[in-house]
Amino acid sequence: MQTTESHPSHNDTGGMAALISRIALAVITPLIIFYALYQGFLFLRDGDSPKWAMTLIAIIWGVGGVAALYWVFNWLVEMLPLAWMQRLQPFVFVGPALAILTWYLAFPALRTFWISLFDRGGPPEQFLATFTSWPPDSWVGLQNYTSIFSERLMRETFRNNLMWIVFGSSFSVAFGLLIAILADRSRWEKVAKSLIFLPMAISFVGAGVIWNFMYEVRPSSVPQIGLVNAIVVALGGEAHPWPAYTAISPWNNLYLIVIVVWLQVGFSMVLFSAALKGIPEELKEAGRVDGAGEMRILSGIMIPYIRGTIITVWTTIVIFTLKIFDVVWVMTGGQFGTEVIATQFYRQSFVARNPGYGSAIAIILLIAVIPVGIYNLRQFQDREVF
């Protein structure tokens, strides 16, 4: 009986060579593109060409480079077997976004936490030098965090942020919902909503400048040019610099909270109006047939139906108020008992030159925002909120 030896076929050899070439191509091609993008970054950073030329190059380099990355990665994944292509293709589109979030959010957060473990001197410039002579002279561990919760000024700061959360978010949601309900019943709906939404087009700094004029105070011997004090004087009251009126501290914070409510009511109104229009008319008509009044329909049908939207809008505004900085800095600079977490972080990091303490404040702010953000994301996952 004749036996035959098994040898690798030419097809197997060719398939292996093709696989190796594909792997090499998958590794080399992205490296070439990343190198080209890096060289473009160096050129833009160190170049001395005219500004218009640099701007044009930056647009082509940025947009074209990202498009090239997507195209190349997608092309490489499509060269793989079908099973692998189906597994990897979603990451082609999600991967760059995750990489950007990791580089610009996760790594800076970790570095901020690392800096918060040192005193005013900060960590050594060379990272490895930190461990060769452990502990460094500037190492303080969690001392910055204990100082945050023990100092009187920081306790005042937390109290002010709590006021921003309670009053700022609650009033923005309540007024936005009320206006959305009333505007939907008016024939001037579009005009009314447009006027109320207009402040959303103004930046927080611009809003602070506008309301500085609103709260302007002059000596009693001359006419008041600030609208608020002009009305107070006309009613027989006394003019005061209301946001800086320390005699009523901490309630002078309410005069700053009014500005954010003015800005955010339009945002909440638009979302609530869209949610209200999604309520089936049959539900409301059924309630009216059963003898329910308009207030009963509102509390028993409309609000429960849009509860997901209410929670989402409220948590979004809570995050805004936790991070509030611009309005306070423009109006009072954080003085007169109006400090908030963000202004205290700025003051410690860039005015007092204490990066360790400032970084600890930033980490506290991050920890405060994370649970609200997670709850918001769960609302999106559990139900259709808009």
Protein backbone atom coordinates (compact mmCIF):
# COMPACT_ATOMS: atom_id res chain seq x y z
CA MET A 1 0.00 0.00 0.00
CA GLN A 2 1.51 3.33 -1.08
CA THR A 3 1.65 6.02 1.56
CA THR A 4 1.72 9.71 0.83
CA GLU A 5 3.37 12.28 3.03
CA SER A 6 1.31 15.32 3.96
CA HIS A 7 2.95 18.56 2.95
CA PRO A 8 1.61 22.07 3.37
CA SER A 9 -0.26 23.06 0.29
CA HIS A 10 0.53 26.15 -1.69
CA ASN A 11 -2.88 27.53 -0.68
CA ASP A 12 -2.04 27.21 3.05
CA THR A 13 1.32 28.89 2.51
CA GLY A 14 -0.24 31.66 0.49
CA GLY A 15 -2.99 32.15 3.07
CA MET A 16 -0.44 32.45 5.87
CA ALA A 17 1.58 34.96 3.88
CA ALA A 18 -1.55 36.96 3.15
CA LEU A 19 -2.48 36.96 6.85
CA ILE A 20 1.00 38.13 7.88
CA SER A 21 0.95 40.87 5.26
CA ARG A 22 -2.48 42.02 6.45
CA ILE A 23 -1.29 42.18 10.06
CA ALA A 24 1.82 44.10 9.04
CA LEU A 25 -0.28 46.46 6.95
CA ALA A 26 -2.72 46.92 9.85
CA VAL A 27 0.16 47.94 12.13
CA ILE A 28 2.27 50.01 9.76
CA THR A 29 -0.44 52.06 8.05
CA PRO A 30 -1.92 53.64 11.23
CA LEU A 31 1.60 54.34 12.50
CA ILE A 32 2.38 56.22 9.29
CA ILE A 33 -0.82 58.27 9.59
CA PHE A 34 -0.21 59.03 13.28
CA TYR A 35 3.34 60.10 12.44
CA ALA A 36 2.05 62.38 9.69
CA LEU A 37 -0.51 63.89 12.08
CA TYR A 38 2.19 64.41 14.71
CA GLN A 39 4.46 66.16 12.20
CA GLY A 40 1.54 68.37 11.24
CA PHE A 41 1.04 69.25 14.91
CA LEU A 42 4.72 70.18 15.25
CA PHE A 43 4.51 72.32 12.13
CA LEU A 44 1.47 74.17 13.44
CA ARG A 45 3.04 74.66 16.85
CA ASP A 46 6.43 75.90 15.68
CA GLY A 47 5.57 77.40 12.28
CA ASP A 48 5.79 81.14 11.58
CA SER A 49 3.66 81.25 8.42
CA PRO A 50 0.83 83.81 8.02
CA LYS A 51 -2.19 83.21 10.23
CA TRP A 52 -4.53 82.58 7.32
CA ALA A 53 -2.20 79.87 5.99
CA MET A 54 -1.86 78.27 9.42
CA THR A 55 -5.64 78.30 9.86
CA LEU A 56 -6.18 76.66 6.48
CA ILE A 57 -3.53 74.02 7.20
CA ALA A 58 -5.04 73.34 10.63
CA ILE A 59 -8.48 72.73 9.11
CA ILE A 60 -7.13 70.44 6.41
CA TRP A 61 -4.81 68.66 8.84
CA GLY A 62 -7.45 68.19 11.55
CA VAL A 63 -10.51 67.29 9.50
CA GLY A 64 -8.59 65.45 6.81
CA GLY A 65 -6.48 63.55 9.33
CA VAL A 66 -9.48 62.32 11.30
CA ALA A 67 -11.28 61.33 8.07
CA ALA A 68 -8.18 59.49 6.91
CA LEU A 69 -7.95 57.60 10.20
CA TYR A 70 -11.58 56.47 9.96
CA TRP A 71 -11.19 55.46 6.33
CA VAL A 72 -7.95 53.52 6.86
CA PHE A 73 -9.14 51.67 9.96
CA ASN A 74 -12.43 50.78 8.31
CA TRP A 75 -10.59 49.54 5.22
CA LEU A 76 -8.24 47.41 7.34
CA VAL A 77 -11.11 45.88 9.32
CA GLU A 78 -13.00 45.06 6.13
CA MET A 79 -9.99 43.03 4.98
CA LEU A 80 -10.44 40.63 7.91
CA PRO A 81 -12.71 37.55 7.89
CA LEU A 82 -16.41 38.32 8.27
CA ALA A 83 -16.63 37.20 11.90
CA TRP A 84 -13.74 39.44 12.96
CA MET A 85 -15.01 42.32 10.85
CA GLN A 86 -18.38 42.25 12.62
CA ARG A 87 -16.67 42.25 16.00
CA LEU A 88 -14.15 45.00 15.33
CA GLN A 89 -15.99 47.39 13.02
CA PRO A 90 -18.00 49.12 15.80
CA PHE A 91 -14.73 49.95 17.56
CA VAL A 92 -13.46 51.68 14.43
CA PHE A 93 -16.06 54.40 14.99
CA VAL A 94 -16.19 54.33 18.79
CA GLY A 95 -12.45 53.85 19.32
CA PRO A 96 -11.23 57.36 18.36
CA ALA A 97 -13.88 58.96 20.57
CA LEU A 98 -12.86 56.73 23.48
CA ALA A 99 -9.21 57.56 22.84
CA ILE A 100 -9.94 61.30 22.88
CA LEU A 101 -12.00 61.01 26.07
CA THR A 102 -9.26 58.97 27.70
CA TRP A 103 -6.50 61.38 26.70
CA TYR A 104 -8.32 64.64 27.42
CA LEU A 105 -10.54 63.58 30.38
CA ALA A 106 -9.38 60.39 32.11
CA PHE A 107 -5.63 61.10 32.12
CA PRO A 108 -6.03 64.76 33.24
CA ALA A 109 -8.35 63.60 36.04
CA LEU A 110 -5.76 61.09 37.24
CA ARG A 111 -3.01 63.70 37.01
CA THR A 112 -5.14 66.19 38.95
CA PHE A 113 -5.64 63.62 41.70
CA TRP A 114 -1.88 62.97 41.74
CA ILE A 115 -1.11 66.69 42.10
CA SER A 116 -3.68 66.96 44.92
CA LEU A 117 -1.50 64.68 47.05
CA PHE A 118 1.27 67.31 47.22
CA ASP A 119 1.59 70.72 48.83
CA ARG A 120 2.24 74.08 47.21
CA GLY A 121 5.50 72.83 45.70
CA GLY A 122 3.75 70.16 43.64
CA PRO A 123 5.17 66.79 42.53
CA PRO A 124 8.72 66.48 41.17
CA GLU A 125 9.05 67.36 37.50
CA GLN A 126 10.44 63.91 36.71
CA PHE A 127 7.78 61.29 37.47
CA LEU A 128 10.26 58.48 38.21
CA ALA A 129 12.21 60.76 40.56
CA THR A 130 9.17 60.71 42.84
CA PHE A 131 9.73 57.03 43.64
CA THR A 132 13.52 57.02 43.81
CA SER A 133 13.41 59.34 46.85
CA TRP A 134 10.12 58.40 48.49
CA PRO A 135 8.40 60.28 49.99
CA PRO A 136 9.14 63.60 48.27
CA ASP A 137 9.46 66.69 50.45
CA SER A 138 6.21 68.11 49.05
CA TRP A 139 4.15 64.95 49.72
CA VAL A 140 1.17 65.56 52.02
CA GLY A 141 -1.13 62.63 51.13
CA LEU A 142 -4.78 63.36 51.88
CA GLN A 143 -4.05 66.43 53.99
CA ASN A 144 -5.44 68.78 51.33
CA TYR A 145 -8.76 66.94 51.45
CA THR A 146 -9.01 67.14 55.23
CA SER A 147 -8.25 70.86 55.02
CA ILE A 148 -11.05 71.37 52.50
CA PHE A 149 -13.67 70.00 54.90
CA SER A 150 -12.27 71.72 57.97
CA GLU A 151 -11.76 75.31 56.76
CA ARG A 152 -14.53 77.84 57.34
CA LEU A 153 -14.28 79.37 53.85
CA MET A 154 -14.74 75.98 52.17
CA ARG A 155 -17.76 75.18 54.34
CA GLU A 156 -19.23 78.50 53.22
CA THR A 157 -18.43 77.52 49.63
CA PHE A 158 -20.27 74.20 49.95
CA ARG A 159 -23.25 75.99 51.49
CA ASN A 160 -23.39 78.40 48.54
CA ASN A 161 -23.22 75.55 46.02
CA LEU A 162 -26.05 73.84 47.87
CA MET A 163 -28.11 77.04 47.49
CA TRP A 164 -27.33 77.08 43.77
CA ILE A 165 -28.51 73.47 43.46
CA VAL A 166 -31.70 73.89 45.48
CA PHE A 167 -32.86 77.27 44.16
CA GLY A 168 -31.18 77.46 40.75
CA SER A 169 -32.23 74.05 39.43
CA SER A 170 -35.66 74.03 41.11
CA PHE A 171 -36.69 77.47 39.85
CA SER A 172 -35.36 76.75 36.35
CA VAL A 173 -37.36 73.52 36.12
CA ALA A 174 -40.51 74.95 37.72
CA PHE A 175 -40.62 78.11 35.60
CA GLY A 176 -39.69 76.21 32.44
CA LEU A 177 -42.49 73.69 32.98
CA LEU A 178 -45.01 76.41 33.83
CA ILE A 179 -44.15 78.47 30.75
CA ALA A 180 -44.23 75.39 28.50
CA ILE A 181 -47.73 74.51 29.73
CA LEU A 182 -49.05 78.06 29.40
CA ALA A 183 -47.40 78.73 26.04
CA ASP A 184 -48.86 75.56 24.51
CA ARG A 185 -52.33 77.00 25.17
CA SER A 186 -51.60 80.38 23.62
CA ARG A 187 -51.93 81.46 20.03
CA TRP A 188 -48.72 83.50 20.53
CA GLU A 189 -46.80 80.32 21.38
CA LYS A 190 -43.96 80.75 18.88
CA VAL A 191 -43.36 84.42 19.72
CA ALA A 192 -43.46 83.81 23.48
CA LYS A 193 -41.10 80.83 23.31
CA SER A 194 -38.69 82.71 21.06
CA LEU A 195 -38.47 85.63 23.50
CA ILE A 196 -37.97 83.36 26.51
CA PHE A 197 -35.37 81.27 24.69
CA LEU A 198 -33.32 84.32 23.61
CA PRO A 199 -31.14 84.45 26.77
CA MET A 200 -29.79 81.00 25.83
CA ALA A 201 -27.90 82.73 23.02
CA ILE A 202 -25.98 84.82 25.58
CA SER A 203 -22.83 83.50 27.21
CA PHE A 204 -22.58 83.33 30.99
CA VAL A 205 -20.00 86.12 30.95
CA GLY A 206 -22.25 88.28 28.76
CA ALA A 207 -25.18 87.61 31.10
CA GLY A 208 -23.03 88.68 34.05
CA VAL A 209 -22.15 91.95 32.34
CA ILE A 210 -25.83 92.62 31.53
CA TRP A 211 -26.95 91.97 35.09
CA ASN A 212 -24.13 94.10 36.45
CA PHE A 213 -25.96 97.01 34.80
CA MET A 214 -29.26 95.73 36.21
CA TYR A 215 -27.86 95.80 39.76
CA GLU A 216 -25.90 99.05 39.30
CA VAL A 217 -26.07 101.29 42.37
CA ARG A 218 -25.41 105.02 42.61
CA PRO A 219 -25.27 107.37 45.61
CA SER A 220 -28.69 108.42 46.87
CA SER A 221 -28.07 111.99 45.71
CA VAL A 222 -28.13 111.02 42.01
CA PRO A 223 -30.72 109.08 40.01
CA GLN A 224 -30.29 105.32 39.90
CA ILE A 225 -29.41 103.92 36.46
CA GLY A 226 -29.66 100.26 37.48
CA LEU A 227 -33.13 98.90 36.76
CA VAL A 228 -33.46 96.96 40.02
CA ASN A 229 -32.42 99.85 42.28
CA ALA A 230 -34.47 102.32 40.25
CA ILE A 231 -37.58 100.23 40.95
CA VAL A 232 -36.65 99.83 44.64
CA VAL A 233 -36.15 103.59 45.08
CA ALA A 234 -39.37 104.35 43.20
CA LEU A 235 -41.23 102.10 45.66
CA GLY A 236 -39.72 103.96 48.60
CA GLY A 237 -36.90 101.52 49.37
CA GLU A 238 -33.16 102.01 49.66
CA ALA A 239 -30.68 101.20 46.90
CA HIS A 240 -28.09 98.50 47.60
CA PRO A 241 -25.41 96.64 45.65
CA TRP A 242 -27.55 93.52 45.94
CA PRO A 243 -25.09 90.71 45.00
CA ALA A 244 -22.45 92.42 47.19
CA TYR A 245 -24.86 93.26 50.03
CA THR A 246 -23.16 91.37 52.86
CA ALA A 247 -25.78 92.39 55.42
CA ILE A 248 -28.13 89.76 53.97
CA SER A 249 -25.46 87.07 53.39
CA PRO A 250 -25.89 84.27 52.34
CA TRP A 251 -29.15 85.37 50.70
CA ASN A 252 -27.25 87.77 48.43
CA ASN A 253 -26.39 84.61 46.44
CA LEU A 254 -30.00 84.56 45.28
CA TYR A 255 -29.34 87.67 43.19
CA LEU A 256 -26.71 85.68 41.28
CA ILE A 257 -28.93 82.60 41.05
CA VAL A 258 -31.58 84.74 39.32
CA ILE A 259 -29.17 85.18 36.40
CA VAL A 260 -28.75 81.45 35.81
CA VAL A 261 -32.51 80.90 36.16
CA TRP A 262 -33.00 83.60 33.52
CA LEU A 263 -30.57 81.75 31.24
CA GLN A 264 -31.78 78.20 31.84
CA VAL A 265 -35.57 78.67 31.81
CA GLY A 266 -35.54 78.77 28.00
CA PHE A 267 -33.56 75.51 27.87
CA SER A 268 -35.98 73.65 30.14
CA MET A 269 -39.02 75.23 28.46
CA VAL A 270 -38.06 73.90 25.02
CA LEU A 271 -37.53 70.35 26.29
CA PHE A 272 -40.71 70.35 28.36
CA SER A 273 -42.71 71.73 25.45
CA ALA A 274 -41.47 68.92 23.19
CA ALA A 275 -42.34 66.34 25.85
CA LEU A 276 -45.82 67.80 26.42
CA LYS A 277 -46.60 67.65 22.71
CA GLY A 278 -45.83 63.93 22.84
CA ILE A 279 -48.66 63.23 25.30
CA PRO A 280 -51.53 61.52 23.42
CA GLU A 281 -54.63 63.71 23.32
CA GLU A 282 -56.74 60.63 24.04
CA LEU A 283 -55.35 60.45 27.57
CA LYS A 284 -56.30 64.03 28.36
CA GLU A 285 -59.69 63.68 26.75
CA ALA A 286 -60.35 60.53 28.77
CA GLY A 287 -59.51 62.44 31.92
CA ARG A 288 -61.91 65.23 31.02
CA VAL A 289 -64.67 62.72 30.25
CA ASP A 290 -64.17 61.22 33.71
CA GLY A 291 -64.71 64.68 35.21
CA ALA A 292 -61.10 65.61 35.98
CA GLY A 293 -60.28 69.33 36.00
CA GLU A 294 -57.25 70.86 34.33
CA MET A 295 -55.18 70.81 37.54
CA ARG A 296 -56.04 67.14 38.03
CA ILE A 297 -55.06 66.37 34.44
CA LEU A 298 -51.80 68.24 34.96
CA SER A 299 -50.88 66.43 38.19
CA GLY A 300 -52.31 63.01 37.33
CA ILE A 301 -51.58 62.64 33.62
CA MET A 302 -49.18 65.22 32.19
CA ILE A 303 -46.51 65.38 34.89
CA PRO A 304 -46.30 61.56 35.38
CA TYR A 305 -46.09 61.12 31.60
CA ILE A 306 -43.09 63.46 31.28
CA ARG A 307 -41.44 62.51 34.60
CA GLY A 308 -38.38 61.18 32.78
CA THR A 309 -37.89 64.49 30.99
CA ILE A 310 -38.32 66.44 34.23
CA ILE A 311 -35.68 64.35 35.99
CA THR A 312 -33.26 64.59 33.08
CA VAL A 313 -33.62 68.37 32.74
CA TRP A 314 -33.30 68.83 36.50
CA THR A 315 -30.14 66.73 36.76
CA THR A 316 -28.61 68.51 33.76
CA ILE A 317 -29.17 71.91 35.39
CA VAL A 318 -27.82 70.55 38.69
CA ILE A 319 -24.55 69.78 36.89
CA PHE A 320 -24.53 73.34 35.49
CA THR A 321 -25.00 74.81 38.95
CA LEU A 322 -22.35 72.58 40.51
CA LYS A 323 -19.81 73.86 37.98
CA ILE A 324 -20.97 77.49 38.04
CA PHE A 325 -18.06 79.91 37.70
CA ASP A 326 -18.52 82.61 35.05
CA VAL A 327 -21.48 84.45 36.57
CA VAL A 328 -20.00 84.55 40.06
CA TRP A 329 -16.56 85.64 38.85
CA VAL A 330 -17.93 88.43 36.65
CA MET A 331 -20.44 89.73 39.21
CA THR A 332 -18.56 89.54 42.53
CA GLY A 333 -15.27 87.73 41.93
CA GLY A 334 -16.34 85.31 44.65
CA GLN A 335 -16.27 88.03 47.31
CA PHE A 336 -18.99 89.14 49.74
CA GLY A 337 -19.80 85.56 50.76
CA THR A 338 -20.51 84.32 47.21
CA GLU A 339 -17.63 81.86 46.76
CA VAL A 340 -18.50 78.60 45.00
CA ILE A 341 -16.39 75.51 44.41
CA ALA A 342 -15.21 76.53 40.94
CA THR A 343 -14.15 80.06 41.96
CA GLN A 344 -12.30 78.69 44.98
CA PHE A 345 -10.52 76.19 42.73
CA TYR A 346 -9.45 79.01 40.40
CA ARG A 347 -8.34 81.22 43.26
CA GLN A 348 -6.23 78.53 44.92
CA SER A 349 -4.70 77.18 41.71
CA PHE A 350 -3.92 80.39 39.79
CA VAL A 351 -4.03 83.26 42.30
CA ALA A 352 -2.67 81.70 45.48
CA ARG A 353 -0.35 79.42 43.45
CA ASN A 354 -1.30 76.36 45.49
CA PRO A 355 -1.87 73.66 42.84
CA GLY A 356 -2.16 70.83 45.35
CA TYR A 357 -5.03 72.42 47.27
CA GLY A 358 -6.69 73.62 44.06
CA SER A 359 -6.46 70.15 42.52
CA ALA A 360 -8.07 68.64 45.62
CA ILE A 361 -10.99 71.07 45.21
CA ALA A 362 -11.28 70.06 41.54
CA ILE A 363 -11.43 66.37 42.51
CA ILE A 364 -14.16 67.10 45.06
CA LEU A 365 -16.13 68.87 42.32
CA LEU A 366 -15.61 65.90 39.99
CA ILE A 367 -16.82 63.46 42.65
CA ALA A 368 -19.90 65.62 43.23
CA VAL A 369 -20.78 65.68 39.51
CA ILE A 370 -20.24 61.96 38.81
CA PRO A 371 -23.31 60.55 40.65
CA VAL A 372 -25.61 63.08 38.97
CA GLY A 373 -24.16 62.20 35.57
CA ILE A 374 -24.53 58.47 36.17
CA TYR A 375 -28.14 58.93 37.26
CA ASN A 376 -28.78 61.00 34.14
CA LEU A 377 -27.34 58.29 31.88
CA ARG A 378 -29.47 55.63 33.56
CA GLN A 379 -32.55 57.71 32.84
CA PHE A 380 -31.61 57.70 29.16
CA GLN A 381 -31.14 53.93 29.23
CA ASP A 382 -34.28 53.05 31.20
CA ARG A 383 -36.79 55.12 29.27
CA GLU A 384 -37.24 57.42 26.33
CA VAL A 385 -37.09 60.77 28.11
CA PHE A 386 -37.62 63.02 25.10
